[in-house]
Every structure is written in structure tokens, then in C-alpha cells.
C-alpha atoms as a PDB file:
ATOM      1  CA  MET A   1      84.186-114.691  27.995  1.00  0.00           C
ATOM      2  CA  THR A   2      86.403-112.275  30.126  1.00  0.00           C
ATOM      3  CA  SER A   3      85.242-109.032  28.152  1.00  0.00           C
ATOM      4  CA  LYS A   4      81.686-107.412  28.351  1.00  0.00           C
ATOM      5  CA  LYS A   5      82.260-106.780  24.784  1.00  0.00           C
ATOM      6  CA  SER A   6      80.520-109.265  22.068  1.00  0.00           C
ATOM      7  CA  ILE A   7      82.461-111.837  20.168  1.00  0.00           C
ATOM      8  CA  VAL A   8      82.091-110.133  17.435  1.00  0.00           C
ATOM      9  CA  GLU A   9      83.315-106.941  18.805  1.00  0.00           C
ATOM     10  CA  THR A  10      86.266-108.447  20.287  1.00  0.00           C
ATOM     11  CA  ILE A  11      87.340-109.826  16.964  1.00  0.00           C
ATOM     12  CA  SER A  12      86.541-106.842  15.220  1.00  0.00           C
ATOM     13  CA  GLU A  13      88.944-105.118  17.278  1.00  0.00           C
ATOM     14  CA  HIS A  14      91.965-107.046  17.022  1.00  0.00           C
ATOM     15  CA  LEU A  15      91.448-107.247  13.260  1.00  0.00           C
ATOM     16  CA  SER A  16      91.257-103.203  12.876  1.00  0.00           C
ATOM     17  CA  ARG A  17      94.660-103.171  15.527  1.00  0.00           C
ATOM     18  CA  ASN A  18      96.353-106.137  13.338  1.00  0.00           C
ATOM     19  CA  THR A  19      97.319-107.401  16.706  1.00  0.00           C
ATOM     20  CA  LEU A  20      96.967-111.268  15.201  1.00  0.00           C
ATOM     21  CA  ASP A  21      99.273-113.531  13.057  1.00  0.00           C
ATOM     22  CA  VAL A  22      96.839-115.911  11.438  1.00  0.00           C
ATOM     23  CA  PRO A  23      98.560-117.265   8.150  1.00  0.00           C
ATOM     24  CA  VAL A  24      95.951-118.919   5.846  1.00  0.00           C
ATOM     25  CA  PHE A  25      98.351-118.845   2.766  1.00  0.00           C
ATOM     26  CA  HIS A  26     101.644-120.379   1.838  1.00  0.00           C
ATOM     27  CA  ALA A  27     104.042-117.779   0.585  1.00  0.00           C
ATOM     28  CA  VAL A  28     105.098-119.964  -2.084  1.00  0.00           C
ATOM     29  CA  ALA A  29     101.573-120.384  -3.257  1.00  0.00           C
ATOM     30  CA  LEU A  30     100.541-116.983  -2.849  1.00  0.00           C
ATOM     31  CA  LYS A  31     104.150-115.768  -4.773  1.00  0.00           C
ATOM     32  CA  LEU A  32     102.899-118.249  -7.803  1.00  0.00           C
ATOM     33  CA  GLN A  33      99.521-116.527  -7.856  1.00  0.00           C
ATOM     34  CA  GLN A  34     100.623-112.950  -8.093  1.00  0.00           C
ATOM     35  CA  VAL A  35     103.600-113.675 -10.846  1.00  0.00           C
ATOM     36  CA  LEU A  36     100.692-115.829 -12.701  1.00  0.00           C
ATOM     37  CA  ALA A  37      98.775-112.436 -12.626  1.00  0.00           C
ATOM     38  CA  LYS A  38     101.592-110.847 -14.725  1.00  0.00           C
ATOM     39  CA  PRO A  39     100.851-110.779 -18.462  1.00  0.00           C
ATOM     40  CA  ASP A  40     104.564-111.964 -19.169  1.00  0.00           C
ATOM     41  CA  TYR A  41     105.600-114.694 -16.587  1.00  0.00           C
ATOM     42  CA  THR A  42     107.786-117.623 -18.040  1.00  0.00           C
ATOM     43  CA  LEU A  43     107.526-121.440 -17.405  1.00  0.00           C
ATOM     44  CA  GLU A  44     110.742-121.350 -15.971  1.00  0.00           C
ATOM     45  CA  GLU A  45     109.836-118.698 -13.326  1.00  0.00           C
ATOM     46  CA  ILE A  46     107.457-120.609 -11.675  1.00  0.00           C
ATOM     47  CA  SER A  47     109.627-123.748 -11.845  1.00  0.00           C
ATOM     48  CA  GLN A  48     112.020-121.670  -9.994  1.00  0.00           C
ATOM     49  CA  LEU A  49     109.740-120.782  -7.540  1.00  0.00           C
ATOM     50  CA  ILE A  50     108.392-123.870  -6.657  1.00  0.00           C
ATOM     51  CA  VAL A  51     112.106-125.345  -6.539  1.00  0.00           C
ATOM     52  CA  ALA A  52     113.397-123.096  -4.052  1.00  0.00           C
ATOM     53  CA  ASP A  53     110.867-124.824  -1.373  1.00  0.00           C
ATOM     54  CA  PRO A  54     111.581-128.386  -1.126  1.00  0.00           C
ATOM     55  CA  GLY A  55     108.674-128.973   0.776  1.00  0.00           C
ATOM     56  CA  VAL A  56     106.022-127.127  -1.745  1.00  0.00           C
ATOM     57  CA  ALA A  57     108.352-129.658  -4.554  1.00  0.00           C
ATOM     58  CA  SER A  58     107.707-132.459  -3.023  1.00  0.00           C
ATOM     59  CA  GLN A  59     103.874-131.658  -2.120  1.00  0.00           C
ATOM     60  CA  VAL A  60     103.336-130.229  -5.844  1.00  0.00           C
ATOM     61  CA  LEU A  61     104.800-133.650  -7.463  1.00  0.00           C
ATOM     62  CA  ARG A  62     102.755-135.605  -5.077  1.00  0.00           C
ATOM     63  CA  VAL A  63      99.796-134.092  -5.708  1.00  0.00           C
ATOM     64  CA  ALA A  64     100.631-134.024  -9.797  1.00  0.00           C
ATOM     65  CA  ASN A  65     101.233-137.731  -9.345  1.00  0.00           C
ATOM     66  CA  SER A  66      98.033-138.358  -7.434  1.00  0.00           C
ATOM     67  CA  VAL A  67      94.935-140.310  -8.521  1.00  0.00           C
ATOM     68  CA  PHE A  68      93.690-136.594  -9.796  1.00  0.00           C
ATOM     69  CA  TYR A  69      96.046-136.740 -12.531  1.00  0.00           C
ATOM     70  CA  SER A  70      95.901-140.511 -12.876  1.00  0.00           C
ATOM     71  CA  GLY A  71      96.304-141.458 -17.011  1.00  0.00           C
ATOM     72  CA  LEU A  72      99.250-139.274 -17.308  1.00  0.00           C
ATOM     73  CA  SER A  73     102.581-140.079 -17.244  1.00  0.00           C
ATOM     74  CA  LYS A  74     104.273-139.648 -13.979  1.00  0.00           C
ATOM     75  CA  ALA A  75     106.134-136.327 -13.314  1.00  0.00           C
ATOM     76  CA  THR A  76     109.851-136.883 -11.942  1.00  0.00           C
ATOM     77  CA  THR A  77     110.621-132.904 -11.519  1.00  0.00           C
ATOM     78  CA  ILE A  78     108.830-130.153 -11.240  1.00  0.00           C
ATOM     79  CA  ARG A  79     109.760-128.868 -14.378  1.00  0.00           C
ATOM     80  CA  ASP A  80     108.317-131.770 -16.101  1.00  0.00           C
ATOM     81  CA  ALA A  81     105.253-131.020 -13.965  1.00  0.00           C
ATOM     82  CA  ALA A  82     105.107-127.660 -15.298  1.00  0.00           C
ATOM     83  CA  ILE A  83     105.503-128.491 -19.147  1.00  0.00           C
ATOM     84  CA  ARG A  84     102.906-131.020 -18.714  1.00  0.00           C
ATOM     85  CA  LEU A  85     100.276-129.504 -16.806  1.00  0.00           C
ATOM     86  CA  GLY A  86     101.232-126.055 -17.777  1.00  0.00           C
ATOM     87  CA  ALA A  87     101.705-122.879 -15.355  1.00  0.00           C
ATOM     88  CA  LYS A  88      98.461-122.349 -13.844  1.00  0.00           C
ATOM     89  CA  GLU A  89      97.350-126.153 -13.065  1.00  0.00           C
ATOM     90  CA  VAL A  90     100.929-126.268 -11.539  1.00  0.00           C
ATOM     91  CA  SER A  91     100.615-123.273  -9.471  1.00  0.00           C
ATOM     92  CA  ASN A  92      96.857-124.531  -8.795  1.00  0.00           C
ATOM     93  CA  ILE A  93      98.261-127.766  -7.320  1.00  0.00           C
ATOM     94  CA  ALA A  94     101.095-125.978  -5.263  1.00  0.00           C
ATOM     95  CA  MET A  95      97.941-123.910  -3.969  1.00  0.00           C
ATOM     96  CA  LEU A  96      95.962-126.943  -2.992  1.00  0.00           C
ATOM     97  CA  ALA A  97      99.011-128.799  -1.565  1.00  0.00           C
ATOM     98  CA  THR A  98      99.834-126.203   0.920  1.00  0.00           C
ATOM     99  CA  GLN A  99      96.640-125.176   1.834  1.00  0.00           C
ATOM    100  CA  GLN A 100      95.280-128.283   3.277  1.00  0.00           C
ATOM    101  CA  ASP A 101      98.041-127.888   6.537  1.00  0.00           C
ATOM    102  CA  PHE A 102      96.261-124.792   7.257  1.00  0.00           C
ATOM    103  CA  TYR A 103      92.727-126.330   7.842  1.00  0.00           C
ATOM    104  CA  ARG A 104      94.486-128.119  11.187  1.00  0.00           C
ATOM    105  CA  SER A 105      94.176-127.000  14.984  1.00  0.00           C
ATOM    106  CA  SER A 106      95.006-128.648  18.210  1.00  0.00           C
ATOM    107  CA  ASN A 107      91.942-127.164  19.013  1.00  0.00           C
ATOM    108  CA  GLU A 108      89.379-130.080  19.190  1.00  0.00           C
ATOM    109  CA  GLN A 109      86.387-127.488  18.911  1.00  0.00           C
ATOM    110  CA  PHE A 110      87.674-125.878  16.004  1.00  0.00           C
ATOM    111  CA  ASN A 111      89.815-128.892  14.351  1.00  0.00           C
ATOM    112  CA  PRO A 112      86.412-130.654  13.320  1.00  0.00           C
ATOM    113  CA  ILE A 113      84.995-127.269  11.509  1.00  0.00           C
ATOM    114  CA  MET A 114      88.189-126.919   9.674  1.00  0.00           C
ATOM    115  CA  GLN A 115      88.234-130.330   8.231  1.00  0.00           C
ATOM    116  CA  THR A 116      84.383-129.767   7.329  1.00  0.00           C
ATOM    117  CA  LEU A 117      85.286-126.430   5.477  1.00  0.00           C
ATOM    118  CA  TRP A 118      88.380-128.143   3.458  1.00  0.00           C
ATOM    119  CA  LYS A 119      86.075-130.891   2.492  1.00  0.00           C
ATOM    120  CA  HIS A 120      83.823-128.055   1.006  1.00  0.00           C
ATOM    121  CA  ALA A 121      86.721-126.133  -0.259  1.00  0.00           C
ATOM    122  CA  LEU A 122      88.252-129.077  -1.704  1.00  0.00           C
ATOM    123  CA  CYS A 123      84.609-130.003  -3.282  1.00  0.00           C
ATOM    124  CA  CYS A 124      84.040-126.723  -4.636  1.00  0.00           C
ATOM    125  CA  ALA A 125      87.442-126.551  -6.289  1.00  0.00           C
ATOM    126  CA  ILE A 126      87.092-129.559  -8.300  1.00  0.00           C
ATOM    127  CA  GLY A 127      83.129-129.451  -9.053  1.00  0.00           C
ATOM    128  CA  THR A 128      83.948-125.614 -10.302  1.00  0.00           C
ATOM    129  CA  LYS A 129      86.940-126.686 -12.505  1.00  0.00           C
ATOM    130  CA  TRP A 130      84.625-129.306 -13.907  1.00  0.00           C
ATOM    131  CA  LEU A 131      81.159-127.468 -14.477  1.00  0.00           C
ATOM    132  CA  ALA A 132      83.431-124.578 -16.135  1.00  0.00           C
ATOM    133  CA  THR A 133      84.231-127.230 -19.230  1.00  0.00           C
ATOM    134  CA  LYS A 134      80.390-128.420 -18.905  1.00  0.00           C
ATOM    135  CA  THR A 135      78.682-124.982 -19.475  1.00  0.00           C
ATOM    136  CA  GLY A 136      80.721-123.260 -22.193  1.00  0.00           C
ATOM    137  CA  TYR A 137      83.666-121.502 -19.826  1.00  0.00           C
ATOM    138  CA  GLY A 138      86.596-123.870 -20.195  1.00  0.00           C
ATOM    139  CA  ALA A 139      88.883-121.307 -20.469  1.00  0.00           C
ATOM    140  CA  LEU A 140      88.091-120.431 -16.931  1.00  0.00           C
ATOM    141  CA  ALA A 141      88.605-124.151 -15.443  1.00  0.00           C
ATOM    142  CA  GLN A 142      91.892-123.135 -14.111  1.00  0.00           C
ATOM    143  CA  GLU A 143      90.434-120.136 -12.578  1.00  0.00           C
ATOM    144  CA  GLY A 144      87.496-121.993 -11.268  1.00  0.00           C
ATOM    145  CA  PHE A 145      89.732-124.586  -9.502  1.00  0.00           C
ATOM    146  CA  LEU A 146      91.402-121.472  -7.611  1.00  0.00           C
ATOM    147  CA  ALA A 147      87.789-119.307  -6.886  1.00  0.00           C
ATOM    148  CA  GLY A 148      86.427-122.654  -5.527  1.00  0.00           C
ATOM    149  CA  LEU A 149      89.449-123.729  -3.258  1.00  0.00           C
ATOM    150  CA  LEU A 150      89.707-119.813  -2.105  1.00  0.00           C
ATOM    151  CA  HIS A 151      85.762-118.496  -1.869  1.00  0.00           C
ATOM    152  CA  ASP A 152      85.362-119.328   1.871  1.00  0.00           C
ATOM    153  CA  ILE A 153      88.909-118.316   3.209  1.00  0.00           C
ATOM    154  CA  GLY A 154      87.575-115.777   5.102  1.00  0.00           C
ATOM    155  CA  LYS A 155      85.883-118.746   7.299  1.00  0.00           C
ATOM    156  CA  LEU A 156      89.298-120.235   7.801  1.00  0.00           C
ATOM    157  CA  PHE A 157      90.781-117.111   8.508  1.00  0.00           C
ATOM    158  CA  LEU A 158      87.902-116.064  11.803  1.00  0.00           C
ATOM    159  CA  LEU A 159      88.768-119.900  12.911  1.00  0.00           C
ATOM    160  CA  LYS A 160      92.001-119.111  13.548  1.00  0.00           C
ATOM    161  CA  VAL A 161      91.711-115.819  15.128  1.00  0.00           C
ATOM    162  CA  LEU A 162      89.027-117.337  17.282  1.00  0.00           C
ATOM    163  CA  ASP A 163      91.398-120.544  17.960  1.00  0.00           C
ATOM    164  CA  GLU A 164      94.040-117.520  18.631  1.00  0.00           C
ATOM    165  CA  LEU A 165      92.043-115.957  20.996  1.00  0.00           C
ATOM    166  CA  CYS A 166      90.613-118.952  22.776  1.00  0.00           C
ATOM    167  CA  LYS A 167      94.584-119.772  23.188  1.00  0.00           C
ATOM    168  CA  SER A 168      95.158-116.397  25.049  1.00  0.00           C
ATOM    169  CA  GLY A 169      92.182-117.010  27.200  1.00  0.00           C
ATOM    170  CA  GLU A 170      90.475-113.862  25.611  1.00  0.00           C
ATOM    171  CA  LEU A 171      87.441-115.563  24.945  1.00  0.00           C
ATOM    172  CA  GLY A 172      87.586-118.122  27.550  1.00  0.00           C
ATOM    173  CA  ILE A 173      88.620-121.785  26.322  1.00  0.00           C
ATOM    174  CA  SER A 174      85.905-122.377  24.168  1.00  0.00           C
ATOM    175  CA  VAL A 175      83.018-120.562  22.352  1.00  0.00           C
ATOM    176  CA  SER A 176      79.542-121.755  21.792  1.00  0.00           C
ATOM    177  CA  PRO A 177      79.046-123.387  18.240  1.00  0.00           C
ATOM    178  CA  ALA A 178      75.698-120.663  17.883  1.00  0.00           C
ATOM    179  CA  LEU A 179      78.641-117.731  18.191  1.00  0.00           C
ATOM    180  CA  VAL A 180      80.831-119.467  15.929  1.00  0.00           C
ATOM    181  CA  SER A 181      78.076-119.599  13.235  1.00  0.00           C
ATOM    182  CA  GLU A 182      77.498-116.280  14.251  1.00  0.00           C
ATOM    183  CA  VAL A 183      80.973-114.672  13.513  1.00  0.00           C
ATOM    184  CA  LEU A 184      81.668-117.015  10.261  1.00  0.00           C
ATOM    185  CA  ASN A 185      78.363-116.338   8.846  1.00  0.00           C
ATOM    186  CA  SER A 186      78.051-112.288   9.512  1.00  0.00           C
ATOM    187  CA  MET A 187      82.068-111.895   8.629  1.00  0.00           C
ATOM    188  CA  HIS A 188      83.325-114.349   6.020  1.00  0.00           C
ATOM    189  CA  GLU A 189      83.043-112.370   3.199  1.00  0.00           C
ATOM    190  CA  GLU A 190      84.435-109.225   4.325  1.00  0.00           C
ATOM    191  CA  GLN A 191      87.155-110.329   5.957  1.00  0.00           C
ATOM    192  CA  GLY A 192      88.111-113.001   3.147  1.00  0.00           C
ATOM    193  CA  TYR A 193      88.142-110.024   0.741  1.00  0.00           C
ATOM    194  CA  ILE A 194      90.061-107.707   2.974  1.00  0.00           C
ATOM    195  CA  LEU A 195      92.623-110.898   3.381  1.00  0.00           C
ATOM    196  CA  MET A 196      92.798-111.317  -0.520  1.00  0.00           C
ATOM    197  CA  LYS A 197      93.578-107.648  -1.231  1.00  0.00           C
ATOM    198  CA  LYS A 198      95.912-107.370   1.451  1.00  0.00           C
ATOM    199  CA  TRP A 199      97.928-110.107  -0.362  1.00  0.00           C
ATOM    200  CA  ASN A 200      97.509-108.648  -4.064  1.00  0.00           C
ATOM    201  CA  MET A 201      95.333-111.648  -5.257  1.00  0.00           C
ATOM    202  CA  PRO A 202      93.772-110.909  -8.768  1.00  0.00           C
ATOM    203  CA  ASP A 203      90.532-109.207  -8.643  1.00  0.00           C
ATOM    204  CA  ILE A 204      88.615-111.948 -10.592  1.00  0.00           C
ATOM    205  CA  TYR A 205      89.540-113.948  -7.109  1.00  0.00           C
ATOM    206  CA  CYS A 206      88.572-111.314  -4.934  1.00  0.00           C
ATOM    207  CA  ASP A 207      85.373-110.877  -6.057  1.00  0.00           C
ATOM    208  CA  VAL A 208      84.606-114.214  -5.814  1.00  0.00           C
ATOM    209  CA  VAL A 209      85.095-114.304  -1.967  1.00  0.00           C
ATOM    210  CA  GLN A 210      83.398-111.199  -1.599  1.00  0.00           C
ATOM    211  CA  ASP A 211      80.130-111.932  -3.325  1.00  0.00           C
ATOM    212  CA  HIS A 212      79.428-115.347  -2.938  1.00  0.00           C
ATOM    213  CA  HIS A 213      76.467-114.777  -0.934  1.00  0.00           C
ATOM    214  CA  ASN A 214      75.808-111.307  -2.271  1.00  0.00           C
ATOM    215  CA  PRO A 215      71.923-111.197  -3.522  1.00  0.00           C
ATOM    216  CA  GLU A 216      72.640-108.493  -5.628  1.00  0.00           C
ATOM    217  CA  TRP A 217      75.659-110.091  -7.460  1.00  0.00           C
ATOM    218  CA  ASN A 218      77.060-109.537 -10.964  1.00  0.00           C
ATOM    219  CA  GLN A 219      74.955-112.080 -12.899  1.00  0.00           C
ATOM    220  CA  THR A 220      77.283-111.299 -15.901  1.00  0.00           C
ATOM    221  CA  ASN A 221      80.230-112.667 -13.778  1.00  0.00           C
ATOM    222  CA  PRO A 222      80.507-116.454 -15.040  1.00  0.00           C
ATOM    223  CA  LEU A 223      83.145-117.289 -12.590  1.00  0.00           C
ATOM    224  CA  LEU A 224      81.050-115.967  -9.633  1.00  0.00           C
ATOM    225  CA  ALA A 225      77.958-117.552 -10.967  1.00  0.00           C
ATOM    226  CA  LEU A 226      80.266-120.747 -11.256  1.00  0.00           C
ATOM    227  CA  VAL A 227      81.444-121.056  -7.803  1.00  0.00           C
ATOM    228  CA  ARG A 228      77.761-119.823  -6.523  1.00  0.00           C
ATOM    229  CA  LEU A 229      76.267-122.738  -8.079  1.00  0.00           C
ATOM    230  CA  VAL A 230      78.716-125.290  -7.058  1.00  0.00           C
ATOM    231  CA  ASP A 231      78.869-123.755  -3.622  1.00  0.00           C
ATOM    232  CA  GLN A 232      75.316-124.449  -3.497  1.00  0.00           C
ATOM    233  CA  ALA A 233      75.467-127.849  -4.717  1.00  0.00           C
ATOM    234  CA  CYS A 234      77.729-128.686  -2.037  1.00  0.00           C
ATOM    235  CA  ASN A 235      75.068-127.343   0.297  1.00  0.00           C
ATOM    236  CA  LYS A 236      72.555-129.337  -0.945  1.00  0.00           C
ATOM    237  CA  MET A 237      74.433-132.589  -0.767  1.00  0.00           C
ATOM    238  CA  GLY A 238      75.789-131.347   3.064  1.00  0.00           C
ATOM    239  CA  ILE A 239      78.909-130.777   2.295  1.00  0.00           C
ATOM    240  CA  GLY A 240      80.082-127.708   4.533  1.00  0.00           C
ATOM    241  CA  MET A 241      78.624-125.827   7.247  1.00  0.00           C
ATOM    242  CA  CYS A 242      74.950-124.549   5.664  1.00  0.00           C
ATOM    243  CA  PRO A 243      73.640-127.568   4.497  1.00  0.00           C
ATOM    244  CA  ALA A 244      70.269-127.316   2.140  1.00  0.00           C
ATOM    245  CA  PRO A 245      68.965-130.622   1.082  1.00  0.00           C
ATOM    246  CA  THR A 246      65.733-129.311  -0.039  1.00  0.00           C
ATOM    247  CA  LEU A 247      67.683-126.630  -2.795  1.00  0.00           C
ATOM    248  CA  VAL A 248      66.592-127.677  -6.461  1.00  0.00           C
ATOM    249  CA  LEU A 249      69.696-126.479  -8.136  1.00  0.00           C
ATOM    250  CA  PHE A 250      68.166-126.437 -11.683  1.00  0.00           C
ATOM    251  CA  ALA A 251      65.683-123.320 -10.126  1.00  0.00           C
ATOM    252  CA  THR A 252      68.618-121.665  -8.853  1.00  0.00           C
ATOM    253  CA  THR A 253      69.398-118.286 -11.088  1.00  0.00           C
ATOM    254  CA  GLU A 254      73.138-119.297 -11.020  1.00  0.00           C
ATOM    255  CA  ALA A 255      71.948-122.440 -13.142  1.00  0.00           C
ATOM    256  CA  GLN A 256      69.709-120.098 -15.161  1.00  0.00           C
ATOM    257  CA  VAL A 257      72.427-117.789 -15.870  1.00  0.00           C
ATOM    258  CA  LEU A 258      75.297-120.608 -16.902  1.00  0.00           C
ATOM    259  CA  GLY A 259      72.450-122.394 -18.911  1.00  0.00           C
ATOM    260  CA  ALA A 260      73.226-125.583 -16.642  1.00  0.00           C
ATOM    261  CA  LYS A 261      70.758-128.660 -17.957  1.00  0.00           C
ATOM    262  CA  GLU A 262      69.409-130.822 -15.022  1.00  0.00           C
ATOM    263  CA  ILE A 263      71.396-133.509 -16.560  1.00  0.00           C
ATOM    264  CA  ILE A 264      74.358-131.824 -16.106  1.00  0.00           C
ATOM    265  CA  LEU A 265      73.794-130.490 -12.741  1.00  0.00           C
ATOM    266  CA  ALA A 266      73.154-134.407 -11.963  1.00  0.00           C
ATOM    267  CA  GLU A 267      76.536-135.238 -13.379  1.00  0.00           C
ATOM    268  CA  LEU A 268      78.304-132.163 -11.119  1.00  0.00           C
ATOM    269  CA  GLU A 269      76.803-134.142  -8.003  1.00  0.00           C
ATOM    270  CA  ILE A 270      78.548-137.513  -8.964  1.00  0.00           C
ATOM    271  CA  VAL A 271      81.589-135.349  -9.558  1.00  0.00           C
ATOM    272  CA  ILE A 272      81.300-133.758  -5.700  1.00  0.00           C
ATOM    273  CA  GLU A 273      80.375-137.034  -4.538  1.00  0.00           C
ATOM    274  CA  ASP A 274      83.250-138.775  -6.081  1.00  0.00           C
ATOM    275  CA  THR A 275      85.773-136.125  -4.818  1.00  0.00           C
ATOM    276  CA  LEU A 276      84.173-136.404  -1.400  1.00  0.00           C
ATOM    277  CA  GLN A 277      85.259-139.936  -1.493  1.00  0.00           C
ATOM    278  CA  MET A 278      88.415-139.145  -2.262  1.00  0.00           C
ATOM    279  CA  VAL A 279      89.026-136.901   0.343  1.00  0.00           C
ATOM    280  CA  SER A 280      87.439-139.069   3.279  1.00  0.00           C
ATOM    281  CA  GLN A 281      90.203-142.077   1.764  1.00  0.00           C
ATOM    282  CA  GLY A 282      92.828-139.228   1.935  1.00  0.00           C
ATOM    283  CA  THR A 283      93.816-139.865  -1.424  1.00  0.00           C
ATOM    284  CA  LYS A 284      93.830-136.694  -3.150  1.00  0.00           C
END
């Protein structure tokens, strides 16, 4: 580092001045979520937003016809996909399809961390959607998918900030792994929440981003409980930056709040393992 300031102080200073441009959302995927937050959105409105961006449209069709949706008839147009899967599902696919590109960097230090984060995010998304249906919260399955996918968005944002500051030379050419962990662990919930509010994401997602590690969390919020439990399941399985192999999922407050039995939690680990295998094989 060329500055006497701590790395956290340096990052905080840039964030307060809003001097860095580090996008972590695709504009179309973000707009889709904002449209879905309206009480009177239409399927046609969703389809038109996707079709207007050929890159997003092709990615949505690719994911909609991938192994994740095997067994369903092939969608050849965005309208087909929207009718077959529904507005929320196809919008979530757009977010999924466009997010992966943000979890890459030319920086050899940060790229492996981003890839680890991506695997964790995707496993949380699929796991949360599955767990919602198995614990009596099927109506929250689509919201669970997106909340799981985005719950650690603050970590991605901060990694991109570190990447930019290393490129500019402000932090030297690299940052020690210990400092990276310190930055992510101490700042990601707050910065993720600020980011979500800045982009007018619905409060249900902002709350998850803000409180997914908060010991004083709202136990009457089932979406938050679902994401917290799946997040811990991924950590137990070593998927992510905070491995916790000795964690007993059934003993967690989240499992008790959701009434998740041991057999359900065992099945959850299989779902997560299958998802990780698909990610590792590049068969999204």
C-alpha cells in the first residue's frame, strides 16, 4: 500500500465519495426485478424487456433449456419461456444468466475468490428455492431463489472495489488474503444493503442481504430464515469462503424456526451437492 490509511478506511473513503464504478448487476435483469415489484406488471412487459437485449434474451433461452429445466418442452422464444415458466421464473433466469459474468476478474488473486462466491451463490439460490417448497413456504420459492443468489452481493461488490484499487495502484499490486477476508467479513452486509437500496430492489431482498448474519435477526421472516439456513448448509459442506464442517444444521435456530426435520436437511445437502456438480461441469 502507498497510503498510511488502513485498507478499510481507503475503501470507505472511496465509497463515501462514490468515485468507483463497479457494476454488479446487469441493467436488464435489474429492471426486470423492479418491474416485478409493481402490482400491475404484465407478462408482455417482462418479455419485451428481455427481447430488447439480444444478449440477455439468448442467455435466458440457453438457461431455460438447460438441465435445470430438463423434462419441460423446449422454449424457442422469450414469450414461450415466459408463458411456460412464468414472469418471476423467467426474470430470475435473466438475473442468473447475467450474474455469472460479474463473478470473473483478470486479477489472479481475486478471480478464484469470485468463482468460489459464484458457486456459493448458485448453491444458495437452488437450495433456498428447494427448501422453501419442502418446509411449507412454496409461495416463497421464486423469491427464495433470488434472495439466495444475491445474499452475498456485498462481497462481490467489495472484491470489485479491491480489484479496481489494485489496478489503480492505490493498494499495491495485491492484498493479503487476511486483509481481503477482513474487508469482506466486516463490510459486506452493510455495503450489500446500500447497493440493493441504491438500485431500488424490493425490501424483502434488502432485508436478507442486510441480516443474513445478524445474530438479532427477525425470526418471523421465513425468507430470511430459509436463506440463513441454506447459507449455513453450504458452509457446512465447504462451499464458500466460511467453511463450517462441524456445524449441526438441525440444531440451528433457523432449522427450528422452519420446522426442518433431519431428513429434509439431509436431502438439502444432496440438492446442494448436485448443484455444485452441475456448476463444476459448467452445465448451468
